[in-house]
């Protein structure tokens, strides 16, 4: 049964890596964009970073707990508890990414006006 949980954790982790790649592409577009960057683009990029953080944290947490309790039969309530525990770090990543990307956007606009 541990192999099934390990495969699920790897699939969720792979999804997290894919979403992180999308977030990096979004961030690169924000940084290198010449015209004004709308806030919705910044919010979308921050949300992608948060979702990738949530998925990666869930994958690592779930894999670690499954490895420690390899004989345990998981219920859907236990899996939902782990998912709920992953929401807080994902939310923190969203807020931090939003602040960082918004400040990057403001700094770029300030530098462009200064020229």
PDB file of N, CA and C in Angstrom:
ATOM      1  N   UNK A   1       0.811  -1.192   0.000  1.00  0.00           N
ATOM      2  CA  UNK A   1       0.000   0.000   0.000  1.00  0.00           C
ATOM      3  C   UNK A   1       0.860   1.264   0.000  1.00  0.00           C
ATOM      4  N   UNK A   2       2.049   1.161   0.592  1.00  0.00           N
ATOM      5  CA  UNK A   2       2.948   2.314   0.624  1.00  0.00           C
ATOM      6  C   UNK A   2       3.310   2.757  -0.780  1.00  0.00           C
ATOM      7  N   UNK A   3       3.452   1.819  -1.694  1.00  0.00           N
ATOM      8  CA  UNK A   3       3.830   2.173  -3.075  1.00  0.00           C
ATOM      9  C   UNK A   3       2.737   3.021  -3.718  1.00  0.00           C
ATOM     10  N   UNK A   4       1.484   2.702  -3.447  1.00  0.00           N
ATOM     11  CA  UNK A   4       0.384   3.504  -3.984  1.00  0.00           C
ATOM     12  C   UNK A   4       0.458   4.936  -3.462  1.00  0.00           C
ATOM     13  N   UNK A   5       0.701   5.094  -2.150  1.00  0.00           N
ATOM     14  CA  UNK A   5       0.786   6.433  -1.576  1.00  0.00           C
ATOM     15  C   UNK A   5       2.020   7.167  -2.081  1.00  0.00           C
ATOM     16  N   UNK A   6       3.115   6.437  -2.277  1.00  0.00           N
ATOM     17  CA  UNK A   6       4.323   7.065  -2.818  1.00  0.00           C
ATOM     18  C   UNK A   6       4.080   7.547  -4.245  1.00  0.00           C
ATOM     19  N   UNK A   7       3.362   6.765  -5.036  1.00  0.00           N
ATOM     20  CA  UNK A   7       3.054   7.166  -6.413  1.00  0.00           C
ATOM     21  C   UNK A   7       2.152   8.405  -6.415  1.00  0.00           C
ATOM     22  N   UNK A   8       1.159   8.424  -5.525  1.00  0.00           N
ATOM     23  CA  UNK A   8       0.287   9.600  -5.430  1.00  0.00           C
ATOM     24  C   UNK A   8       1.096  10.824  -5.028  1.00  0.00           C
ATOM     25  N   UNK A   9       2.006  10.668  -4.053  1.00  0.00           N
ATOM     26  CA  UNK A   9       2.850  11.791  -3.624  1.00  0.00           C
ATOM     27  C   UNK A   9       3.747  12.259  -4.759  1.00  0.00           C
ATOM     28  N   UNK A  10       4.281  11.343  -5.542  1.00  0.00           N
ATOM     29  CA  UNK A  10       5.133  11.730  -6.678  1.00  0.00           C
ATOM     30  C   UNK A  10       4.339  12.448  -7.762  1.00  0.00           C
ATOM     31  N   UNK A  11       3.121  12.010  -8.011  1.00  0.00           N
ATOM     32  CA  UNK A  11       2.282  12.672  -9.017  1.00  0.00           C
ATOM     33  C   UNK A  11       1.947  14.097  -8.575  1.00  0.00           C
ATOM     34  N   UNK A  12       1.586  14.243  -7.293  1.00  0.00           N
ATOM     35  CA  UNK A  12       1.281  15.587  -6.774  1.00  0.00           C
ATOM     36  C   UNK A  12       2.534  16.452  -6.800  1.00  0.00           C
ATOM     37  N   UNK A  13       3.684  15.870  -6.460  1.00  0.00           N
ATOM     38  CA  UNK A  13       4.945  16.611  -6.509  1.00  0.00           C
ATOM     39  C   UNK A  13       5.298  17.037  -7.924  1.00  0.00           C
ATOM     40  N   UNK A  14       5.072  16.145  -8.900  1.00  0.00           N
ATOM     41  CA  UNK A  14       5.335  16.490 -10.299  1.00  0.00           C
ATOM     42  C   UNK A  14       4.410  17.610 -10.761  1.00  0.00           C
ATOM     43  N   UNK A  15       3.162  17.585 -10.308  1.00  0.00           N
ATOM     44  CA  UNK A  15       2.244  18.673 -10.644  1.00  0.00           C
ATOM     45  C   UNK A  15       2.726  19.983 -10.019  1.00  0.00           C
ATOM     46  N   UNK A  16       3.251  19.905  -8.805  1.00  0.00           N
ATOM     47  CA  UNK A  16       3.795  21.098  -8.157  1.00  0.00           C
ATOM     48  C   UNK A  16       4.981  21.666  -8.906  1.00  0.00           C
ATOM     49  N   UNK A  17       5.858  20.793  -9.393  1.00  0.00           N
ATOM     50  CA  UNK A  17       7.018  21.254 -10.173  1.00  0.00           C
ATOM     51  C   UNK A  17       6.555  21.891 -11.477  1.00  0.00           C
ATOM     52  N   UNK A  18       5.550  21.302 -12.119  1.00  0.00           N
ATOM     53  CA  UNK A  18       5.034  21.866 -13.371  1.00  0.00           C
ATOM     54  C   UNK A  18       4.420  23.247 -13.143  1.00  0.00           C
ATOM     55  N   UNK A  19       3.630  23.386 -12.084  1.00  0.00           N
ATOM     56  CA  UNK A  19       3.018  24.684 -11.797  1.00  0.00           C
ATOM     57  C   UNK A  19       4.101  25.701 -11.422  1.00  0.00           C
ATOM     58  N   UNK A  20       5.152  25.246 -10.719  1.00  0.00           N
ATOM     59  CA  UNK A  20       6.263  26.138 -10.397  1.00  0.00           C
ATOM     60  C   UNK A  20       6.948  26.629 -11.666  1.00  0.00           C
ATOM     61  N   UNK A  21       7.092  25.761 -12.639  1.00  0.00           N
ATOM     62  CA  UNK A  21       7.681  26.167 -13.925  1.00  0.00           C
ATOM     63  C   UNK A  21       6.809  27.223 -14.605  1.00  0.00           C
ATOM     64  N   UNK A  22       5.497  27.028 -14.568  1.00  0.00           N
ATOM     65  CA  UNK A  22       4.592  28.035 -15.129  1.00  0.00           C
ATOM     66  C   UNK A  22       4.720  29.363 -14.376  1.00  0.00           C
ATOM     67  N   UNK A  23       4.870  29.281 -13.060  1.00  0.00           N
ATOM     68  CA  UNK A  23       5.016  30.498 -12.254  1.00  0.00           C
ATOM     69  C   UNK A  23       6.308  31.230 -12.601  1.00  0.00           C
ATOM     70  N   UNK A  24       7.391  30.489 -12.820  1.00  0.00           N
ATOM     71  CA  UNK A  24       8.647  31.131 -13.205  1.00  0.00           C
ATOM     72  C   UNK A  24       8.542  31.807 -14.563  1.00  0.00           C
ATOM     73  N   UNK A  25       7.847  31.169 -15.498  1.00  0.00           N
ATOM     74  CA  UNK A  25       7.644  31.796 -16.810  1.00  0.00           C
ATOM     75  C   UNK A  25       6.822  33.077 -16.675  1.00  0.00           C
ATOM     76  N   UNK A  26       5.811  33.044 -15.807  1.00  0.00           N
ATOM     77  CA  UNK A  26       5.000  34.237 -15.568  1.00  0.00           C
ATOM     78  C   UNK A  26       5.839  35.334 -14.934  1.00  0.00           C
ATOM     79  N   UNK A  27       6.680  34.958 -13.981  1.00  0.00           N
ATOM     80  CA  UNK A  27       7.537  35.942 -13.320  1.00  0.00           C
ATOM     81  C   UNK A  27       8.541  36.541 -14.301  1.00  0.00           C
ATOM     82  N   UNK A  28       9.090  35.706 -15.162  1.00  0.00           N
ATOM     83  CA  UNK A  28      10.032  36.204 -16.171  1.00  0.00           C
ATOM     84  C   UNK A  28       9.351  37.192 -17.102  1.00  0.00           C
ATOM     85  N   UNK A  29       8.098  36.913 -17.460  1.00  0.00           N
ATOM     86  CA  UNK A  29       7.372  37.841 -18.326  1.00  0.00           C
ATOM     87  C   UNK A  29       7.130  39.173 -17.622  1.00  0.00           C
ATOM     88  N   UNK A  30       6.842  39.122 -16.324  1.00  0.00           N
ATOM     89  CA  UNK A  30       6.625  40.356 -15.569  1.00  0.00           C
ATOM     90  C   UNK A  30       7.907  41.179 -15.502  1.00  0.00           C
ATOM     91  N   UNK A  31       9.024  40.503 -15.244  1.00  0.00           N
ATOM     92  CA  UNK A  31      10.297  41.214 -15.088  1.00  0.00           C
ATOM     93  C   UNK A  31      10.763  41.816 -16.407  1.00  0.00           C
ATOM     94  N   UNK A  32      10.565  41.128 -17.503  1.00  0.00           N
ATOM     95  CA  UNK A  32      11.104  41.590 -18.789  1.00  0.00           C
ATOM     96  C   UNK A  32      10.093  42.353 -19.642  1.00  0.00           C
ATOM     97  N   UNK A  33       8.916  42.543 -19.158  1.00  0.00           N
ATOM     98  CA  UNK A  33       7.895  43.249 -19.927  1.00  0.00           C
ATOM     99  C   UNK A  33       8.223  44.736 -19.998  1.00  0.00           C
ATOM    100  N   UNK A  34       8.113  45.307 -21.183  1.00  0.00           N
ATOM    101  CA  UNK A  34       8.469  46.714 -21.380  1.00  0.00           C
ATOM    102  C   UNK A  34       7.304  47.620 -20.981  1.00  0.00           C
ATOM    103  N   UNK A  35       6.093  47.283 -21.401  1.00  0.00           N
ATOM    104  CA  UNK A  35       4.957  48.132 -21.070  1.00  0.00           C
ATOM    105  C   UNK A  35       4.499  47.875 -19.638  1.00  0.00           C
ATOM    106  N   UNK A  36       3.561  48.658 -19.189  1.00  0.00           N
ATOM    107  CA  UNK A  36       3.078  48.585 -17.809  1.00  0.00           C
ATOM    108  C   UNK A  36       2.488  47.201 -17.530  1.00  0.00           C
ATOM    109  N   UNK A  37       2.799  46.679 -16.368  1.00  0.00           N
ATOM    110  CA  UNK A  37       2.343  45.354 -15.976  1.00  0.00           C
ATOM    111  C   UNK A  37       1.063  45.494 -15.158  1.00  0.00           C
ATOM    112  N   UNK A  38      -0.033  44.852 -15.602  1.00  0.00           N
ATOM    113  CA  UNK A  38      -1.266  44.956 -14.812  1.00  0.00           C
ATOM    114  C   UNK A  38      -1.172  44.135 -13.524  1.00  0.00           C
ATOM    115  N   UNK A  39      -1.904  44.569 -12.519  1.00  0.00           N
ATOM    116  CA  UNK A  39      -1.874  43.870 -11.238  1.00  0.00           C
ATOM    117  C   UNK A  39      -2.410  42.450 -11.355  1.00  0.00           C
ATOM    118  N   UNK A  40      -3.340  42.218 -12.276  1.00  0.00           N
ATOM    119  CA  UNK A  40      -3.886  40.866 -12.440  1.00  0.00           C
ATOM    120  C   UNK A  40      -2.803  39.871 -12.865  1.00  0.00           C
ATOM    121  N   UNK A  41      -1.844  40.337 -13.654  1.00  0.00           N
ATOM    122  CA  UNK A  41      -0.743  39.464 -14.051  1.00  0.00           C
ATOM    123  C   UNK A  41       0.130  39.123 -12.837  1.00  0.00           C
ATOM    124  N   UNK A  42       0.348  40.106 -11.992  1.00  0.00           N
ATOM    125  CA  UNK A  42       1.133  39.886 -10.776  1.00  0.00           C
ATOM    126  C   UNK A  42       0.397  38.919  -9.843  1.00  0.00           C
ATOM    127  N   UNK A  43      -0.909  39.118  -9.685  1.00  0.00           N
ATOM    128  CA  UNK A  43      -1.696  38.254  -8.812  1.00  0.00           C
ATOM    129  C   UNK A  43      -1.735  36.817  -9.338  1.00  0.00           C
ATOM    130  N   UNK A  44      -1.824  36.661 -10.651  1.00  0.00           N
ATOM    131  CA  UNK A  44      -1.824  35.333 -11.235  1.00  0.00           C
ATOM    132  C   UNK A  44      -0.500  34.628 -10.993  1.00  0.00           C
ATOM    133  N   UNK A  45       0.588  35.336 -11.174  1.00  0.00           N
ATOM    134  CA  UNK A  45       1.902  34.740 -10.916  1.00  0.00           C
ATOM    135  C   UNK A  45       2.075  34.340  -9.463  1.00  0.00           C
ATOM    136  N   UNK A  46       1.614  35.194  -8.549  1.00  0.00           N
ATOM    137  CA  UNK A  46       1.712  34.877  -7.121  1.00  0.00           C
ATOM    138  C   UNK A  46       0.844  33.672  -6.774  1.00  0.00           C
ATOM    139  N   UNK A  47      -0.327  33.597  -7.380  1.00  0.00           N
ATOM    140  CA  UNK A  47      -1.200  32.454  -7.145  1.00  0.00           C
ATOM    141  C   UNK A  47      -0.570  31.165  -7.657  1.00  0.00           C
ATOM    142  N   UNK A  48       0.097  31.225  -8.803  1.00  0.00           N
ATOM    143  CA  UNK A  48       0.792  30.043  -9.313  1.00  0.00           C
ATOM    144  C   UNK A  48       1.911  29.602  -8.378  1.00  0.00           C
ATOM    145  N   UNK A  49       2.661  30.563  -7.844  1.00  0.00           N
ATOM    146  CA  UNK A  49       3.697  30.220  -6.869  1.00  0.00           C
ATOM    147  C   UNK A  49       3.076  29.569  -5.631  1.00  0.00           C
ATOM    148  N   UNK A  50       1.950  30.099  -5.169  1.00  0.00           N
ATOM    149  CA  UNK A  50       1.285  29.545  -3.995  1.00  0.00           C
ATOM    150  C   UNK A  50       0.759  28.141  -4.226  1.00  0.00           C
ATOM    151  N   UNK A  51       0.168  27.915  -5.393  1.00  0.00           N
ATOM    152  CA  UNK A  51      -0.344  26.582  -5.710  1.00  0.00           C
ATOM    153  C   UNK A  51       0.800  25.585  -5.810  1.00  0.00           C
ATOM    154  N   UNK A  52       1.900  25.998  -6.422  1.00  0.00           N
ATOM    155  CA  UNK A  52       3.040  25.076  -6.511  1.00  0.00           C
ATOM    156  C   UNK A  52       3.608  24.788  -5.126  1.00  0.00           C
ATOM    157  N   UNK A  53       3.673  25.786  -4.268  1.00  0.00           N
ATOM    158  CA  UNK A  53       4.134  25.568  -2.904  1.00  0.00           C
ATOM    159  C   UNK A  53       3.218  24.634  -2.140  1.00  0.00           C
ATOM    160  N   UNK A  54       1.918  24.817  -2.313  1.00  0.00           N
ATOM    161  CA  UNK A  54       0.941  23.947  -1.664  1.00  0.00           C
ATOM    162  C   UNK A  54       1.103  22.507  -2.122  1.00  0.00           C
ATOM    163  N   UNK A  55       1.220  22.299  -3.428  1.00  0.00           N
ATOM    164  CA  UNK A  55       1.350  20.943  -3.964  1.00  0.00           C
ATOM    165  C   UNK A  55       2.653  20.280  -3.519  1.00  0.00           C
ATOM    166  N   UNK A  56       3.740  21.025  -3.549  1.00  0.00           N
ATOM    167  CA  UNK A  56       5.025  20.451  -3.139  1.00  0.00           C
ATOM    168  C   UNK A  56       5.050  20.159  -1.643  1.00  0.00           C
ATOM    169  N   UNK A  57       4.482  21.043  -0.839  1.00  0.00           N
ATOM    170  CA  UNK A  57       4.428  20.801   0.601  1.00  0.00           C
ATOM    171  C   UNK A  57       3.548  19.590   0.903  1.00  0.00           C
ATOM    172  N   UNK A  58       2.390  19.516   0.243  1.00  0.00           N
ATOM    173  CA  UNK A  58       1.506  18.370   0.437  1.00  0.00           C
ATOM    174  C   UNK A  58       2.202  17.080   0.054  1.00  0.00           C
ATOM    175  N   UNK A  59       2.904  17.083  -1.066  1.00  0.00           N
ATOM    176  CA  UNK A  59       3.597  15.886  -1.532  1.00  0.00           C
ATOM    177  C   UNK A  59       4.659  15.433  -0.540  1.00  0.00           C
ATOM    178  N   UNK A  60       5.474  16.365  -0.070  1.00  0.00           N
ATOM    179  CA  UNK A  60       6.533  16.008   0.873  1.00  0.00           C
ATOM    180  C   UNK A  60       5.949  15.556   2.208  1.00  0.00           C
ATOM    181  N   UNK A  61       4.960  16.265   2.703  1.00  0.00           N
ATOM    182  CA  UNK A  61       4.330  15.933   3.975  1.00  0.00           C
ATOM    183  C   UNK A  61       3.643  14.575   3.894  1.00  0.00           C
ATOM    184  N   UNK A  62       2.894  14.361   2.828  1.00  0.00           N
ATOM    185  CA  UNK A  62       2.163  13.112   2.643  1.00  0.00           C
ATOM    186  C   UNK A  62       3.126  11.936   2.491  1.00  0.00           C
ATOM    187  N   UNK A  63       4.186  12.124   1.717  1.00  0.00           N
ATOM    188  CA  UNK A  63       5.167  11.054   1.533  1.00  0.00           C
ATOM    189  C   UNK A  63       5.861  10.728   2.852  1.00  0.00           C
ATOM    190  N   UNK A  64       6.217  11.763   3.612  1.00  0.00           N
ATOM    191  CA  UNK A  64       6.876  11.535   4.896  1.00  0.00           C
ATOM    192  C   UNK A  64       6.002  10.778   5.877  1.00  0.00           C
ATOM    193  N   UNK A  65       4.740  11.167   5.958  1.00  0.00           N
ATOM    194  CA  UNK A  65       3.833  10.476   6.874  1.00  0.00           C
ATOM    195  C   UNK A  65       3.547   9.064   6.385  1.00  0.00           C
ATOM    196  N   UNK A  66       3.407   8.889   5.084  1.00  0.00           N
ATOM    197  CA  UNK A  66       3.163   7.549   4.550  1.00  0.00           C
ATOM    198  C   UNK A  66       4.371   6.648   4.781  1.00  0.00           C
ATOM    199  N   UNK A  67       5.572   7.191   4.711  1.00  0.00           N
ATOM    200  CA  UNK A  67       6.772   6.397   4.940  1.00  0.00           C
ATOM    201  C   UNK A  67       6.892   5.988   6.404  1.00  0.00           C
ATOM    202  N   UNK A  68       6.488   6.876   7.303  1.00  0.00           N
ATOM    203  CA  UNK A  68       6.574   6.556   8.727  1.00  0.00           C
ATOM    204  C   UNK A  68       5.502   5.563   9.167  1.00  0.00           C
ATOM    205  N   UNK A  69       4.362   5.606   8.520  1.00  0.00           N
ATOM    206  CA  UNK A  69       3.259   4.723   8.882  1.00  0.00           C
ATOM    207  C   UNK A  69       2.863   3.875   7.680  1.00  0.00           C
ATOM    208  N   UNK A  70       3.776   3.034   7.232  1.00  0.00           N
ATOM    209  CA  UNK A  70       3.541   2.274   5.999  1.00  0.00           C
ATOM    210  C   UNK A  70       2.438   1.229   6.143  1.00  0.00           C
ATOM    211  N   UNK A  71       2.086   0.833   7.337  1.00  0.00           N
ATOM    212  CA  UNK A  71       1.043  -0.180   7.529  1.00  0.00           C
ATOM    213  C   UNK A  71      -0.341   0.434   7.711  1.00  0.00           C
ATOM    214  N   UNK A  72      -0.430   1.737   7.790  1.00  0.00           N
ATOM    215  CA  UNK A  72      -1.700   2.406   8.067  1.00  0.00           C
ATOM    216  C   UNK A  72      -2.572   2.435   6.824  1.00  0.00           C
ATOM    217  N   UNK A  73      -3.843   2.182   7.024  1.00  0.00           N
ATOM    218  CA  UNK A  73      -4.828   2.336   5.951  1.00  0.00           C
ATOM    219  C   UNK A  73      -5.362   3.761   6.049  1.00  0.00           C
ATOM    220  N   UNK A  74      -5.159   4.533   4.992  1.00  0.00           N
ATOM    221  CA  UNK A  74      -5.537   5.938   5.008  1.00  0.00           C
ATOM    222  C   UNK A  74      -7.019   6.097   4.741  1.00  0.00           C
ATOM    223  N   UNK A  75      -7.632   6.992   5.467  1.00  0.00           N
ATOM    224  CA  UNK A  75      -9.013   7.355   5.187  1.00  0.00           C
ATOM    225  C   UNK A  75      -9.012   8.696   4.456  1.00  0.00           C
ATOM    226  N   UNK A  76     -10.130   8.983   3.830  1.00  0.00           N
ATOM    227  CA  UNK A  76     -10.207  10.253   3.103  1.00  0.00           C
ATOM    228  C   UNK A  76     -10.137  11.434   4.060  1.00  0.00           C
ATOM    229  N   UNK A  77     -10.618  11.270   5.292  1.00  0.00           N
ATOM    230  CA  UNK A  77     -10.551  12.355   6.266  1.00  0.00           C
ATOM    231  C   UNK A  77      -9.103  12.674   6.640  1.00  0.00           C
ATOM    232  N   UNK A  78      -8.262  11.647   6.770  1.00  0.00           N
ATOM    233  CA  UNK A  78      -6.852  11.882   7.093  1.00  0.00           C
ATOM    234  C   UNK A  78      -6.140  12.594   5.955  1.00  0.00           C
ATOM    235  N   UNK A  79      -6.440  12.195   4.727  1.00  0.00           N
ATOM    236  CA  UNK A  79      -5.824  12.845   3.567  1.00  0.00           C
ATOM    237  C   UNK A  79      -6.282  14.297   3.467  1.00  0.00           C
ATOM    238  N   UNK A  80      -7.551  14.557   3.765  1.00  0.00           N
ATOM    239  CA  UNK A  80      -8.037  15.936   3.760  1.00  0.00           C
ATOM    240  C   UNK A  80      -7.400  16.765   4.871  1.00  0.00           C
ATOM    241  N   UNK A  81      -7.096  16.143   6.015  1.00  0.00           N
ATOM    242  CA  UNK A  81      -6.396  16.862   7.080  1.00  0.00           C
ATOM    243  C   UNK A  81      -5.003  17.283   6.631  1.00  0.00           C
ATOM    244  N   UNK A  82      -4.315  16.398   5.910  1.00  0.00           N
ATOM    245  CA  UNK A  82      -2.993  16.741   5.385  1.00  0.00           C
ATOM    246  C   UNK A  82      -3.112  17.859   4.354  1.00  0.00           C
ATOM    247  N   UNK A  83      -4.129  17.791   3.503  1.00  0.00           N
ATOM    248  CA  UNK A  83      -4.339  18.850   2.509  1.00  0.00           C
ATOM    249  C   UNK A  83      -4.638  20.175   3.195  1.00  0.00           C
ATOM    250  N   UNK A  84      -5.440  20.149   4.254  1.00  0.00           N
ATOM    251  CA  UNK A  84      -5.730  21.383   4.992  1.00  0.00           C
ATOM    252  C   UNK A  84      -4.482  21.939   5.660  1.00  0.00           C
ATOM    253  N   UNK A  85      -3.615  21.063   6.139  1.00  0.00           N
ATOM    254  CA  UNK A  85      -2.361  21.523   6.738  1.00  0.00           C
ATOM    255  C   UNK A  85      -1.454  22.151   5.687  1.00  0.00           C
ATOM    256  N   UNK A  86      -1.618  21.789   4.430  1.00  0.00           N
ATOM    257  CA  UNK A  86      -0.795  22.331   3.351  1.00  0.00           C
ATOM    258  C   UNK A  86      -1.292  23.687   2.864  1.00  0.00           C
ATOM    259  N   UNK A  87      -2.516  24.026   3.201  1.00  0.00           N
ATOM    260  CA  UNK A  87      -3.083  25.281   2.709  1.00  0.00           C
ATOM    261  C   UNK A  87      -2.383  26.487   3.325  1.00  0.00           C
ATOM    262  N   UNK A  88      -2.060  26.429   4.601  1.00  0.00           N
ATOM    263  CA  UNK A  88      -1.420  27.573   5.260  1.00  0.00           C
ATOM    264  C   UNK A  88      -0.064  27.908   4.641  1.00  0.00           C
ATOM    265  N   UNK A  89       0.861  26.943   4.441  1.00  0.00           N
ATOM    266  CA  UNK A  89       2.113  27.306   3.767  1.00  0.00           C
ATOM    267  C   UNK A  89       1.889  27.831   2.347  1.00  0.00           C
ATOM    268  N   UNK A  90       0.915  27.264   1.642  1.00  0.00           N
ATOM    269  CA  UNK A  90       0.609  27.773   0.304  1.00  0.00           C
ATOM    270  C   UNK A  90       0.114  29.206   0.340  1.00  0.00           C
ATOM    271  N   UNK A  91      -0.693  29.552   1.350  1.00  0.00           N
ATOM    272  CA  UNK A  91      -1.192  30.913   1.493  1.00  0.00           C
ATOM    273  C   UNK A  91      -0.063  31.878   1.826  1.00  0.00           C
ATOM    274  N   UNK A  92       0.865  31.436   2.669  1.00  0.00           N
ATOM    275  CA  UNK A  92       2.024  32.268   3.002  1.00  0.00           C
ATOM    276  C   UNK A  92       2.864  32.522   1.757  1.00  0.00           C
ATOM    277  N   UNK A  93       3.032  31.489   0.918  1.00  0.00           N
ATOM    278  CA  UNK A  93       3.789  31.647  -0.326  1.00  0.00           C
ATOM    279  C   UNK A  93       3.070  32.623  -1.258  1.00  0.00           C
ATOM    280  N   UNK A  94       1.747  32.563  -1.318  1.00  0.00           N
ATOM    281  CA  UNK A  94       0.989  33.503  -2.159  1.00  0.00           C
ATOM    282  C   UNK A  94       1.229  34.937  -1.691  1.00  0.00           C
ATOM    283  N   UNK A  95       1.128  35.171  -0.392  1.00  0.00           N
ATOM    284  CA  UNK A  95       1.317  36.538   0.113  1.00  0.00           C
ATOM    285  C   UNK A  95       2.741  37.029  -0.114  1.00  0.00           C
ATOM    286  N   UNK A  96       3.722  36.171   0.158  1.00  0.00           N
ATOM    287  CA  UNK A  96       5.115  36.574  -0.048  1.00  0.00           C
ATOM    288  C   UNK A  96       5.409  36.819  -1.524  1.00  0.00           C
ATOM    289  N   UNK A  97       4.905  35.964  -2.393  1.00  0.00           N
ATOM    290  CA  UNK A  97       5.124  36.134  -3.834  1.00  0.00           C
ATOM    291  C   UNK A  97       4.419  37.382  -4.347  1.00  0.00           C
ATOM    292  N   UNK A  98       3.228  37.618  -3.835  1.00  0.00           N
ATOM    293  CA  UNK A  98       2.497  38.811  -4.251  1.00  0.00           C
ATOM    294  C   UNK A  98       3.263  40.071  -3.872  1.00  0.00           C
ATOM    295  N   UNK A  99       3.761  40.121  -2.644  1.00  0.00           N
ATOM    296  CA  UNK A  99       4.536  41.277  -2.209  1.00  0.00           C
ATOM    297  C   UNK A  99       5.805  41.433  -3.045  1.00  0.00           C
ATOM    298  N   UNK A 100       6.513  40.323  -3.254  1.00  0.00           N
ATOM    299  CA  UNK A 100       7.778  40.392  -3.983  1.00  0.00           C
ATOM    300  C   UNK A 100       7.563  40.799  -5.441  1.00  0.00           C
ATOM    301  N   UNK A 101       6.555  40.223  -6.087  1.00  0.00           N
ATOM    302  CA  UNK A 101       6.308  40.545  -7.490  1.00  0.00           C
ATOM    303  C   UNK A 101       5.742  41.957  -7.637  1.00  0.00           C
ATOM    304  N   UNK A 102       4.904  42.381  -6.706  1.00  0.00           N
ATOM    305  CA  UNK A 102       4.352  43.732  -6.774  1.00  0.00           C
ATOM    306  C   UNK A 102       5.447  44.767  -6.546  1.00  0.00           C
ATOM    307  N   UNK A 103       6.349  44.487  -5.601  1.00  0.00           N
ATOM    308  CA  UNK A 103       7.443  45.430  -5.364  1.00  0.00           C
ATOM    309  C   UNK A 103       8.410  45.456  -6.547  1.00  0.00           C
ATOM    310  N   UNK A 104       8.615  44.318  -7.193  1.00  0.00           N
ATOM    311  CA  UNK A 104       9.442  44.289  -8.409  1.00  0.00           C
ATOM    312  C   UNK A 104       8.797  45.139  -9.494  1.00  0.00           C
ATOM    313  N   UNK A 105       7.488  45.014  -9.624  1.00  0.00           N
ATOM    314  CA  UNK A 105       6.758  45.786 -10.632  1.00  0.00           C
ATOM    315  C   UNK A 105       6.875  47.286 -10.334  1.00  0.00           C
ATOM    316  N   UNK A 106       6.679  47.665  -9.082  1.00  0.00           N
ATOM    317  CA  UNK A 106       6.773  49.080  -8.718  1.00  0.00           C
ATOM    318  C   UNK A 106       8.190  49.610  -8.920  1.00  0.00           C
ATOM    319  N   UNK A 107       9.194  48.818  -8.566  1.00  0.00           N
ATOM    320  CA  UNK A 107      10.578  49.243  -8.736  1.00  0.00           C
ATOM    321  C   UNK A 107      10.900  49.425 -10.217  1.00  0.00           C
ATOM    322  N   UNK A 108      10.410  48.524 -11.054  1.00  0.00           N
ATOM    323  CA  UNK A 108      10.636  48.665 -12.497  1.00  0.00           C
ATOM    324  C   UNK A 108       9.983  49.925 -13.032  1.00  0.00           C
ATOM    325  N   UNK A 109       8.766  50.201 -12.601  1.00  0.00           N
ATOM    326  CA  UNK A 109       8.091  51.409 -13.067  1.00  0.00           C
ATOM    327  C   UNK A 109       8.828  52.653 -12.600  1.00  0.00           C
ATOM    328  N   UNK A 110       9.321  52.633 -11.386  1.00  0.00           N
ATOM    329  CA  UNK A 110      10.084  53.765 -10.866  1.00  0.00           C
ATOM    330  C   UNK A 110      11.368  53.959 -11.664  1.00  0.00           C
ATOM    331  N   UNK A 111      12.044  52.865 -12.014  1.00  0.00           N
ATOM    332  CA  UNK A 111      13.269  52.960 -12.797  1.00  0.00           C
ATOM    333  C   UNK A 111      12.998  53.459 -14.211  1.00  0.00           C
ATOM    334  N   UNK A 112      11.872  53.058 -14.789  1.00  0.00           N
ATOM    335  CA  UNK A 112      11.526  53.498 -16.134  1.00  0.00           C
ATOM    336  C   UNK A 112      11.195  54.994 -16.140  1.00  0.00           C
ATOM    337  N   UNK A 113      10.523  55.485 -15.100  1.00  0.00           N
ATOM    338  CA  UNK A 113      10.214  56.911 -15.018  1.00  0.00           C
ATOM    339  C   UNK A 113      11.479  57.725 -14.797  1.00  0.00           C
ATOM    340  N   UNK A 114      12.415  57.152 -14.101  1.00  0.00           N
ATOM    341  CA  UNK A 114      13.646  57.847 -13.772  1.00  0.00           C
ATOM    342  C   UNK A 114      14.514  58.080 -15.012  1.00  0.00           C
ATOM    343  N   UNK A 115      14.427  57.198 -15.983  1.00  0.00           N
ATOM    344  CA  UNK A 115      15.197  57.364 -17.221  1.00  0.00           C
ATOM    345  C   UNK A 115      14.739  58.602 -17.896  1.00  0.00           C
TER     346      UNK A 115
END
